[in-house]
Amino acid sequence: MKNAPLPTGLHYQFPFIDRKDRADLLAWLSTLAPLWEMRFSENNPPPEGDQQRPLLRPVYWLGNWQFACLDYYHPPKGILHRCLKAEPYPKHLQQIVDRIEFIAKKRLPKSFIPEKWKLNTCLINFYGSKLEEGKWVDRARVGEHKDFEPGPVASLSLGDRALFQFVNGKSQLGDENMVFSQWLEDSSLQIFAGEKWKSKTFHRVQRVEDKRNEKIGPEIENFKTRRINFTFRYVPEEHIYPLHLLPVGQQADIRPYLEKLSDSSRYYKKLIST
């Protein structure tokens, strides 16, 4: 029995990558040193009533790095000095991205794809448990939010499967405000696009299972990864800044992160040395 067709603007494919692609990705991921970013900084202080805090999970970016303390990329107003030019995709990942772009253009309405659209930025999220005060605390979730980059968003999942949901608004109603739900399996591809899924609804990772018992990803101190997700998006090239074109304050805010990255990345070592 075939599954019912997905709503317009959604595409899901399982499996999407084969065992070799998966093994190549995991081997490359093991060379990374993900960052624990803080949400705010000296030039982007917490709003009244809020406080400094780390992100729920370690992250790594390719194409451009949207540091949390630079307040991410948020058009139409939040476009300046948000995206730092970052490491390009490794060859085997670029080949996968080329396939994803082809599928998006074939499966989605043309009106959903902006001119010059390409998946030129990637957020790698590491989902798992963090050791806090001697106890392992589950951090494998993401609350309701929107991805504001224009055009289709693509998601490649590795590891334990995740429950991904689109919901109406930010609320504590649980499933009562749920619009669509999809389990994202290991090695699967999800694409979403169009006003309904990008603008009118929020999306979240409600939970990640803990069943595979697989050691996955790089070594991260006091953290056990059980799922890795690549989220590919599009940022117009004119909104991606080389380091020297960022204002001095923003450069100072991200300097500690760049120095940390330079310990394991030749790209960032060269960047801060010049």
C-alpha atoms as a PDB file:
ATOM      1  CA  MET A   1       0.000   0.000   0.000  1.00  0.00           C
ATOM      2  CA  LYS A   2       1.457   3.354  -1.059  1.00  0.00           C
ATOM      3  CA  ASN A   3       1.696   6.258   1.331  1.00  0.00           C
ATOM      4  CA  ALA A   4      -0.704   9.143   0.754  1.00  0.00           C
ATOM      5  CA  PRO A   5       0.839  11.992  -1.280  1.00  0.00           C
ATOM      6  CA  LEU A   6       2.331  14.802   0.760  1.00  0.00           C
ATOM      7  CA  PRO A   7       0.802  18.299   0.735  1.00  0.00           C
ATOM      8  CA  THR A   8       2.108  20.735  -1.869  1.00  0.00           C
ATOM      9  CA  GLY A   9       5.428  22.197  -0.761  1.00  0.00           C
ATOM     10  CA  LEU A  10       6.610  19.089   1.104  1.00  0.00           C
ATOM     11  CA  HIS A  11       8.921  16.340  -0.125  1.00  0.00           C
ATOM     12  CA  TYR A  12      10.224  13.353   1.826  1.00  0.00           C
ATOM     13  CA  GLN A  13      12.558  10.634   0.591  1.00  0.00           C
ATOM     14  CA  PHE A  14      13.781   7.620   2.549  1.00  0.00           C
ATOM     15  CA  PRO A  15      16.401   6.462   2.093  1.00  0.00           C
ATOM     16  CA  PHE A  16      18.030   9.342   0.256  1.00  0.00           C
ATOM     17  CA  ILE A  17      21.742   8.585   0.646  1.00  0.00           C
ATOM     18  CA  ASP A  18      23.292   5.125   0.428  1.00  0.00           C
ATOM     19  CA  ARG A  19      25.647   3.423   2.881  1.00  0.00           C
ATOM     20  CA  LYS A  20      28.785   4.766   1.207  1.00  0.00           C
ATOM     21  CA  ASP A  21      27.545   8.368   1.244  1.00  0.00           C
ATOM     22  CA  ARG A  22      26.573   7.943   4.893  1.00  0.00           C
ATOM     23  CA  ALA A  23      29.955   6.472   5.834  1.00  0.00           C
ATOM     24  CA  ASP A  24      31.790   9.272   3.984  1.00  0.00           C
ATOM     25  CA  LEU A  25      29.741  11.923   5.778  1.00  0.00           C
ATOM     26  CA  LEU A  26      30.332  10.367   9.189  1.00  0.00           C
ATOM     27  CA  ALA A  27      34.074  10.091   8.545  1.00  0.00           C
ATOM     28  CA  TRP A  28      34.210  13.775   7.622  1.00  0.00           C
ATOM     29  CA  LEU A  29      31.995  14.812  10.555  1.00  0.00           C
ATOM     30  CA  SER A  30      34.424  13.124  12.943  1.00  0.00           C
ATOM     31  CA  THR A  31      37.043  15.736  11.966  1.00  0.00           C
ATOM     32  CA  LEU A  32      34.891  18.703  13.054  1.00  0.00           C
ATOM     33  CA  ALA A  33      34.966  20.557  16.366  1.00  0.00           C
ATOM     34  CA  PRO A  34      31.403  21.863  16.863  1.00  0.00           C
ATOM     35  CA  LEU A  35      30.856  24.997  18.930  1.00  0.00           C
ATOM     36  CA  TRP A  36      28.791  25.616  22.031  1.00  0.00           C
ATOM     37  CA  GLU A  37      27.585  29.104  21.194  1.00  0.00           C
ATOM     38  CA  MET A  38      26.127  31.602  23.623  1.00  0.00           C
ATOM     39  CA  ARG A  39      22.888  33.277  22.613  1.00  0.00           C
ATOM     40  CA  PHE A  40      23.988  36.880  23.304  1.00  0.00           C
ATOM     41  CA  SER A  41      27.115  39.040  23.360  1.00  0.00           C
ATOM     42  CA  GLU A  42      28.393  42.480  24.360  1.00  0.00           C
ATOM     43  CA  ASN A  43      26.990  44.067  21.192  1.00  0.00           C
ATOM     44  CA  ASN A  44      23.819  41.954  21.248  1.00  0.00           C
ATOM     45  CA  PRO A  45      22.889  41.853  24.952  1.00  0.00           C
ATOM     46  CA  PRO A  46      19.898  39.924  26.333  1.00  0.00           C
ATOM     47  CA  PRO A  47      16.597  41.808  26.143  1.00  0.00           C
ATOM     48  CA  GLU A  48      15.038  42.949  29.383  1.00  0.00           C
ATOM     49  CA  GLY A  49      13.843  39.968  31.375  1.00  0.00           C
ATOM     50  CA  ASP A  50      16.133  37.524  29.556  1.00  0.00           C
ATOM     51  CA  GLN A  51      19.635  36.323  30.412  1.00  0.00           C
ATOM     52  CA  GLN A  52      22.738  34.971  28.749  1.00  0.00           C
ATOM     53  CA  ARG A  53      22.508  31.269  27.939  1.00  0.00           C
ATOM     54  CA  PRO A  54      24.082  28.648  25.663  1.00  0.00           C
ATOM     55  CA  LEU A  55      22.272  27.048  22.763  1.00  0.00           C
ATOM     56  CA  LEU A  56      20.655  23.694  23.470  1.00  0.00           C
ATOM     57  CA  ARG A  57      23.131  21.848  21.283  1.00  0.00           C
ATOM     58  CA  PRO A  58      26.550  22.132  19.625  1.00  0.00           C
ATOM     59  CA  VAL A  59      26.528  23.411  16.037  1.00  0.00           C
ATOM     60  CA  TYR A  60      28.702  23.814  12.976  1.00  0.00           C
ATOM     61  CA  TRP A  61      28.025  25.897   9.838  1.00  0.00           C
ATOM     62  CA  LEU A  62      29.191  25.661   6.239  1.00  0.00           C
ATOM     63  CA  GLY A  63      28.916  28.224   3.448  1.00  0.00           C
ATOM     64  CA  ASN A  64      28.291  31.015   5.917  1.00  0.00           C
ATOM     65  CA  TRP A  65      28.198  30.992   9.698  1.00  0.00           C
ATOM     66  CA  GLN A  66      25.209  32.633  11.325  1.00  0.00           C
ATOM     67  CA  PHE A  67      26.382  33.167  14.878  1.00  0.00           C
ATOM     68  CA  ALA A  68      23.634  33.304  17.474  1.00  0.00           C
ATOM     69  CA  CYS A  69      25.213  36.408  19.003  1.00  0.00           C
ATOM     70  CA  LEU A  70      24.889  38.166  15.615  1.00  0.00           C
ATOM     71  CA  ASP A  71      21.159  37.430  15.843  1.00  0.00           C
ATOM     72  CA  TYR A  72      20.974  35.149  12.796  1.00  0.00           C
ATOM     73  CA  TYR A  73      19.686  36.052   9.334  1.00  0.00           C
ATOM     74  CA  HIS A  74      16.158  37.428   9.476  1.00  0.00           C
ATOM     75  CA  PRO A  75      14.919  39.284   6.374  1.00  0.00           C
ATOM     76  CA  PRO A  76      13.581  41.759   5.564  1.00  0.00           C
ATOM     77  CA  LYS A  77      15.128  43.803   8.405  1.00  0.00           C
ATOM     78  CA  GLY A  78      17.757  41.482   9.858  1.00  0.00           C
ATOM     79  CA  ILE A  79      20.057  41.087   6.861  1.00  0.00           C
ATOM     80  CA  LEU A  80      23.102  43.248   7.590  1.00  0.00           C
ATOM     81  CA  HIS A  81      26.205  41.797   9.253  1.00  0.00           C
ATOM     82  CA  ARG A  82      24.524  38.498  10.184  1.00  0.00           C
ATOM     83  CA  CYS A  83      26.291  35.974   7.925  1.00  0.00           C
ATOM     84  CA  LEU A  84      30.058  35.414   7.977  1.00  0.00           C
ATOM     85  CA  LYS A  85      31.602  33.763   4.924  1.00  0.00           C
ATOM     86  CA  ALA A  86      32.601  30.287   6.062  1.00  0.00           C
ATOM     87  CA  GLU A  87      34.104  27.018   4.876  1.00  0.00           C
ATOM     88  CA  PRO A  88      32.804  25.624   1.562  1.00  0.00           C
ATOM     89  CA  TYR A  89      31.153  22.219   1.396  1.00  0.00           C
ATOM     90  CA  PRO A  90      33.529  19.280   1.065  1.00  0.00           C
ATOM     91  CA  LYS A  91      33.314  17.666  -2.384  1.00  0.00           C
ATOM     92  CA  HIS A  92      31.179  14.670  -1.386  1.00  0.00           C
ATOM     93  CA  LEU A  93      28.684  16.905   0.437  1.00  0.00           C
ATOM     94  CA  GLN A  94      28.479  19.317  -2.509  1.00  0.00           C
ATOM     95  CA  GLN A  95      27.526  16.378  -4.726  1.00  0.00           C
ATOM     96  CA  ILE A  96      24.676  15.548  -2.343  1.00  0.00           C
ATOM     97  CA  VAL A  97      23.569  19.199  -2.327  1.00  0.00           C
ATOM     98  CA  ASP A  98      23.522  19.219  -6.127  1.00  0.00           C
ATOM     99  CA  ARG A  99      21.136  16.244  -6.037  1.00  0.00           C
ATOM    100  CA  ILE A 100      18.902  17.970  -3.495  1.00  0.00           C
ATOM    101  CA  GLU A 101      18.674  21.124  -5.618  1.00  0.00           C
ATOM    102  CA  PHE A 102      17.733  19.028  -8.647  1.00  0.00           C
ATOM    103  CA  ILE A 103      14.968  17.260  -6.701  1.00  0.00           C
ATOM    104  CA  ALA A 104      13.619  20.541  -5.291  1.00  0.00           C
ATOM    105  CA  LYS A 105      13.375  22.102  -8.735  1.00  0.00           C
ATOM    106  CA  LYS A 106      11.710  18.976 -10.129  1.00  0.00           C
ATOM    107  CA  ARG A 107       9.235  18.328  -7.305  1.00  0.00           C
ATOM    108  CA  LEU A 108       8.225  21.803  -6.137  1.00  0.00           C
ATOM    109  CA  PRO A 109       6.175  24.504  -7.899  1.00  0.00           C
ATOM    110  CA  LYS A 110       8.422  26.943  -9.739  1.00  0.00           C
ATOM    111  CA  SER A 111       6.824  29.836  -7.845  1.00  0.00           C
ATOM    112  CA  PHE A 112       8.304  28.416  -4.603  1.00  0.00           C
ATOM    113  CA  ILE A 113      11.883  28.820  -5.834  1.00  0.00           C
ATOM    114  CA  PRO A 114      13.393  32.345  -5.931  1.00  0.00           C
ATOM    115  CA  GLU A 115      15.667  33.514  -8.709  1.00  0.00           C
ATOM    116  CA  LYS A 116      19.319  32.615  -7.975  1.00  0.00           C
ATOM    117  CA  TRP A 117      18.214  30.137  -5.286  1.00  0.00           C
ATOM    118  CA  LYS A 118      20.831  27.608  -4.284  1.00  0.00           C
ATOM    119  CA  LEU A 119      21.521  25.795  -1.021  1.00  0.00           C
ATOM    120  CA  ASN A 120      24.632  27.769  -0.150  1.00  0.00           C
ATOM    121  CA  THR A 121      24.490  27.570   3.632  1.00  0.00           C
ATOM    122  CA  CYS A 122      24.236  24.620   5.981  1.00  0.00           C
ATOM    123  CA  LEU A 123      23.586  24.408   9.709  1.00  0.00           C
ATOM    124  CA  ILE A 124      24.757  21.138  11.248  1.00  0.00           C
ATOM    125  CA  ASN A 125      22.951  20.420  14.522  1.00  0.00           C
ATOM    126  CA  PHE A 126      24.174  17.777  16.949  1.00  0.00           C
ATOM    127  CA  TYR A 127      21.280  16.320  18.952  1.00  0.00           C
ATOM    128  CA  GLY A 128      21.855  14.330  22.112  1.00  0.00           C
ATOM    129  CA  SER A 129      22.350  14.479  25.865  1.00  0.00           C
ATOM    130  CA  LYS A 130      24.574  16.793  27.890  1.00  0.00           C
ATOM    131  CA  LEU A 131      26.228  16.008  31.195  1.00  0.00           C
ATOM    132  CA  GLU A 132      24.990  18.586  33.706  1.00  0.00           C
ATOM    133  CA  GLU A 133      25.844  18.404  37.410  1.00  0.00           C
ATOM    134  CA  GLY A 134      26.583  14.694  37.123  1.00  0.00           C
ATOM    135  CA  LYS A 135      23.378  13.830  35.230  1.00  0.00           C
ATOM    136  CA  TRP A 136      22.740  13.254  31.532  1.00  0.00           C
ATOM    137  CA  VAL A 137      20.108  15.740  30.383  1.00  0.00           C
ATOM    138  CA  ASP A 138      18.288  15.239  27.072  1.00  0.00           C
ATOM    139  CA  ARG A 139      18.871  18.209  24.761  1.00  0.00           C
ATOM    140  CA  ALA A 140      17.530  16.557  21.596  1.00  0.00           C
ATOM    141  CA  ARG A 141      14.773  18.953  20.610  1.00  0.00           C
ATOM    142  CA  VAL A 142      14.109  22.317  18.954  1.00  0.00           C
ATOM    143  CA  GLY A 143      11.225  24.587  19.882  1.00  0.00           C
ATOM    144  CA  GLU A 144       8.840  26.329  17.509  1.00  0.00           C
ATOM    145  CA  HIS A 145      10.597  28.605  15.040  1.00  0.00           C
ATOM    146  CA  LYS A 146      10.766  29.635  11.379  1.00  0.00           C
ATOM    147  CA  ASP A 147      13.621  29.538   8.872  1.00  0.00           C
ATOM    148  CA  PHE A 148      13.587  32.994   7.300  1.00  0.00           C
ATOM    149  CA  GLU A 149      16.027  32.370   4.462  1.00  0.00           C
ATOM    150  CA  PRO A 150      14.141  32.628   1.135  1.00  0.00           C
ATOM    151  CA  GLY A 151      13.106  29.547  -0.809  1.00  0.00           C
ATOM    152  CA  PRO A 152      13.062  25.825  -0.058  1.00  0.00           C
ATOM    153  CA  VAL A 153      14.781  24.398   3.010  1.00  0.00           C
ATOM    154  CA  ALA A 154      16.270  20.893   2.896  1.00  0.00           C
ATOM    155  CA  SER A 155      17.064  18.599   5.784  1.00  0.00           C
ATOM    156  CA  LEU A 156      19.333  15.532   5.741  1.00  0.00           C
ATOM    157  CA  SER A 157      19.150  13.310   8.842  1.00  0.00           C
ATOM    158  CA  LEU A 158      21.658  10.840  10.286  1.00  0.00           C
ATOM    159  CA  GLY A 159      21.231   8.667  13.372  1.00  0.00           C
ATOM    160  CA  ASP A 160      18.146   8.192  15.509  1.00  0.00           C
ATOM    161  CA  ARG A 161      14.887   9.265  13.919  1.00  0.00           C
ATOM    162  CA  ALA A 162      13.252  12.555  14.889  1.00  0.00           C
ATOM    163  CA  LEU A 163       9.626  13.662  15.124  1.00  0.00           C
ATOM    164  CA  PHE A 164       9.355  16.837  13.040  1.00  0.00           C
ATOM    165  CA  GLN A 165       6.173  18.914  13.237  1.00  0.00           C
ATOM    166  CA  PHE A 166       4.611  21.995  11.671  1.00  0.00           C
ATOM    167  CA  VAL A 167       2.393  23.898  14.105  1.00  0.00           C
ATOM    168  CA  ASN A 168       0.161  26.966  14.183  1.00  0.00           C
ATOM    169  CA  GLY A 169       1.888  29.495  16.390  1.00  0.00           C
ATOM    170  CA  LYS A 170       4.002  29.174  19.489  1.00  0.00           C
ATOM    171  CA  SER A 171       1.923  27.611  22.242  1.00  0.00           C
ATOM    172  CA  GLN A 172       1.898  25.010  24.972  1.00  0.00           C
ATOM    173  CA  LEU A 173      -1.052  23.143  23.469  1.00  0.00           C
ATOM    174  CA  GLY A 174       1.020  20.164  22.406  1.00  0.00           C
ATOM    175  CA  ASP A 175      -0.549  18.356  19.450  1.00  0.00           C
ATOM    176  CA  GLU A 176      -3.675  20.520  19.470  1.00  0.00           C
ATOM    177  CA  ASN A 177      -2.016  23.129  17.235  1.00  0.00           C
ATOM    178  CA  MET A 178      -0.206  20.584  15.055  1.00  0.00           C
ATOM    179  CA  VAL A 179      -0.669  20.943  11.276  1.00  0.00           C
ATOM    180  CA  PHE A 180       1.574  18.166   9.941  1.00  0.00           C
ATOM    181  CA  SER A 181       3.902  15.601  11.496  1.00  0.00           C
ATOM    182  CA  GLN A 182       6.681  13.533   9.930  1.00  0.00           C
ATOM    183  CA  TRP A 183       9.222  11.071  11.321  1.00  0.00           C
ATOM    184  CA  LEU A 184      12.650  11.835   9.834  1.00  0.00           C
ATOM    185  CA  GLU A 185      14.536   8.560   9.489  1.00  0.00           C
ATOM    186  CA  ASP A 186      18.259   7.909   9.291  1.00  0.00           C
ATOM    187  CA  SER A 187      19.626   8.837   5.821  1.00  0.00           C
ATOM    188  CA  SER A 188      16.373  10.570   4.827  1.00  0.00           C
ATOM    189  CA  LEU A 189      15.771  13.835   2.990  1.00  0.00           C
ATOM    190  CA  GLN A 190      13.040  16.336   3.799  1.00  0.00           C
ATOM    191  CA  ILE A 191      12.308  19.501   1.795  1.00  0.00           C
ATOM    192  CA  PHE A 192       9.745  22.158   2.643  1.00  0.00           C
ATOM    193  CA  ALA A 193       8.828  25.328   0.764  1.00  0.00           C
ATOM    194  CA  GLY A 194       6.005  27.716   0.052  1.00  0.00           C
ATOM    195  CA  GLU A 195       4.105  30.232   2.154  1.00  0.00           C
ATOM    196  CA  LYS A 196       2.219  27.664   4.250  1.00  0.00           C
ATOM    197  CA  TRP A 197       5.324  25.869   5.488  1.00  0.00           C
ATOM    198  CA  LYS A 198       7.762  28.811   5.537  1.00  0.00           C
ATOM    199  CA  SER A 199       5.611  31.755   6.672  1.00  0.00           C
ATOM    200  CA  LYS A 200       2.241  30.669   8.040  1.00  0.00           C
ATOM    201  CA  THR A 201       3.398  27.839  10.300  1.00  0.00           C
ATOM    202  CA  PHE A 202       6.213  27.244  12.742  1.00  0.00           C
ATOM    203  CA  HIS A 203       8.172  23.999  12.847  1.00  0.00           C
ATOM    204  CA  ARG A 204       9.886  22.080  15.633  1.00  0.00           C
ATOM    205  CA  VAL A 205      11.727  18.886  16.476  1.00  0.00           C
ATOM    206  CA  GLN A 206       9.462  17.474  19.149  1.00  0.00           C
ATOM    207  CA  ARG A 207      11.731  14.618  20.169  1.00  0.00           C
ATOM    208  CA  VAL A 208      14.506  12.307  19.001  1.00  0.00           C
ATOM    209  CA  GLU A 209      14.379   8.598  19.729  1.00  0.00           C
ATOM    210  CA  ASP A 210      17.191   6.835  21.584  1.00  0.00           C
ATOM    211  CA  LYS A 211      17.203   3.334  20.088  1.00  0.00           C
ATOM    212  CA  ARG A 212      20.121   2.892  17.707  1.00  0.00           C
ATOM    213  CA  ASN A 213      22.929   2.801  20.294  1.00  0.00           C
ATOM    214  CA  GLU A 214      25.268   4.128  17.617  1.00  0.00           C
ATOM    215  CA  LYS A 215      28.357   6.213  18.274  1.00  0.00           C
ATOM    216  CA  ILE A 216      27.936   9.043  15.803  1.00  0.00           C
ATOM    217  CA  GLY A 217      29.740  12.296  15.051  1.00  0.00           C
ATOM    218  CA  PRO A 218      32.853  13.907  16.547  1.00  0.00           C
ATOM    219  CA  GLU A 219      33.938  13.688  20.145  1.00  0.00           C
ATOM    220  CA  ILE A 220      32.238  16.493  22.102  1.00  0.00           C
ATOM    221  CA  GLU A 221      33.146  16.944  25.753  1.00  0.00           C
ATOM    222  CA  ASN A 222      30.298  16.064  28.144  1.00  0.00           C
ATOM    223  CA  PHE A 223      27.930  15.386  25.251  1.00  0.00           C
ATOM    224  CA  LYS A 224      26.590  12.209  23.633  1.00  0.00           C
ATOM    225  CA  THR A 225      25.299  12.678  20.086  1.00  0.00           C
ATOM    226  CA  ARG A 226      22.564  10.405  18.764  1.00  0.00           C
ATOM    227  CA  ARG A 227      21.324  12.398  15.768  1.00  0.00           C
ATOM    228  CA  ILE A 228      23.000  14.784  13.320  1.00  0.00           C
ATOM    229  CA  ASN A 229      20.964  16.984  11.013  1.00  0.00           C
ATOM    230  CA  PHE A 230      22.121  19.040   8.033  1.00  0.00           C
ATOM    231  CA  THR A 231      19.759  21.945   7.309  1.00  0.00           C
ATOM    232  CA  PHE A 232      20.477  23.522   3.921  1.00  0.00           C
ATOM    233  CA  ARG A 233      19.181  27.016   3.114  1.00  0.00           C
ATOM    234  CA  TYR A 234      19.764  29.944   0.778  1.00  0.00           C
ATOM    235  CA  VAL A 235      21.281  33.313   1.683  1.00  0.00           C
ATOM    236  CA  PRO A 236      21.740  35.858  -1.141  1.00  0.00           C
ATOM    237  CA  GLU A 237      25.434  36.327  -1.808  1.00  0.00           C
ATOM    238  CA  GLU A 238      25.269  40.074  -1.121  1.00  0.00           C
ATOM    239  CA  HIS A 239      24.279  39.298   2.476  1.00  0.00           C
ATOM    240  CA  ILE A 240      27.314  37.099   3.164  1.00  0.00           C
ATOM    241  CA  TYR A 241      30.224  39.097   4.569  1.00  0.00           C
ATOM    242  CA  PRO A 242      33.950  38.389   4.672  1.00  0.00           C
ATOM    243  CA  LEU A 243      35.328  38.948   8.155  1.00  0.00           C
ATOM    244  CA  HIS A 244      37.023  42.267   7.383  1.00  0.00           C
ATOM    245  CA  LEU A 245      33.704  43.815   6.302  1.00  0.00           C
ATOM    246  CA  LEU A 246      31.946  43.093   9.570  1.00  0.00           C
ATOM    247  CA  PRO A 247      31.793  46.045  11.993  1.00  0.00           C
ATOM    248  CA  VAL A 248      34.474  46.061  14.688  1.00  0.00           C
ATOM    249  CA  GLY A 249      31.966  45.257  17.433  1.00  0.00           C
ATOM    250  CA  GLN A 250      30.653  42.173  15.664  1.00  0.00           C
ATOM    251  CA  GLN A 251      34.192  41.034  14.934  1.00  0.00           C
ATOM    252  CA  ALA A 252      34.999  41.290  18.638  1.00  0.00           C
ATOM    253  CA  ASP A 253      31.875  39.313  19.572  1.00  0.00           C
ATOM    254  CA  ILE A 254      32.756  36.348  17.373  1.00  0.00           C
ATOM    255  CA  ARG A 255      36.547  36.449  17.809  1.00  0.00           C
ATOM    256  CA  PRO A 256      36.609  33.832  20.629  1.00  0.00           C
ATOM    257  CA  TYR A 257      34.601  31.440  18.449  1.00  0.00           C
ATOM    258  CA  LEU A 258      36.920  31.951  15.475  1.00  0.00           C
ATOM    259  CA  GLU A 259      39.952  31.289  17.651  1.00  0.00           C
ATOM    260  CA  LYS A 260      38.339  28.085  18.910  1.00  0.00           C
ATOM    261  CA  LEU A 261      37.540  27.000  15.359  1.00  0.00           C
ATOM    262  CA  SER A 262      41.096  27.745  14.246  1.00  0.00           C
ATOM    263  CA  ASP A 263      42.380  25.009  16.569  1.00  0.00           C
ATOM    264  CA  SER A 264      40.974  22.348  14.231  1.00  0.00           C
ATOM    265  CA  SER A 265      40.214  24.157  10.950  1.00  0.00           C
ATOM    266  CA  ARG A 266      42.829  25.415   8.503  1.00  0.00           C
ATOM    267  CA  TYR A 267      40.211  27.710   7.006  1.00  0.00           C
ATOM    268  CA  TYR A 268      39.639  29.596  10.254  1.00  0.00           C
ATOM    269  CA  LYS A 269      43.301  29.501  11.202  1.00  0.00           C
ATOM    270  CA  LYS A 270      44.119  31.316   7.955  1.00  0.00           C
ATOM    271  CA  LEU A 271      41.125  33.646   8.379  1.00  0.00           C
ATOM    272  CA  ILE A 272      42.164  35.050  11.745  1.00  0.00           C
ATOM    273  CA  SER A 273      45.856  35.163  10.843  1.00  0.00           C
ATOM    274  CA  THR A 274      45.126  37.527   7.950  1.00  0.00           C
END
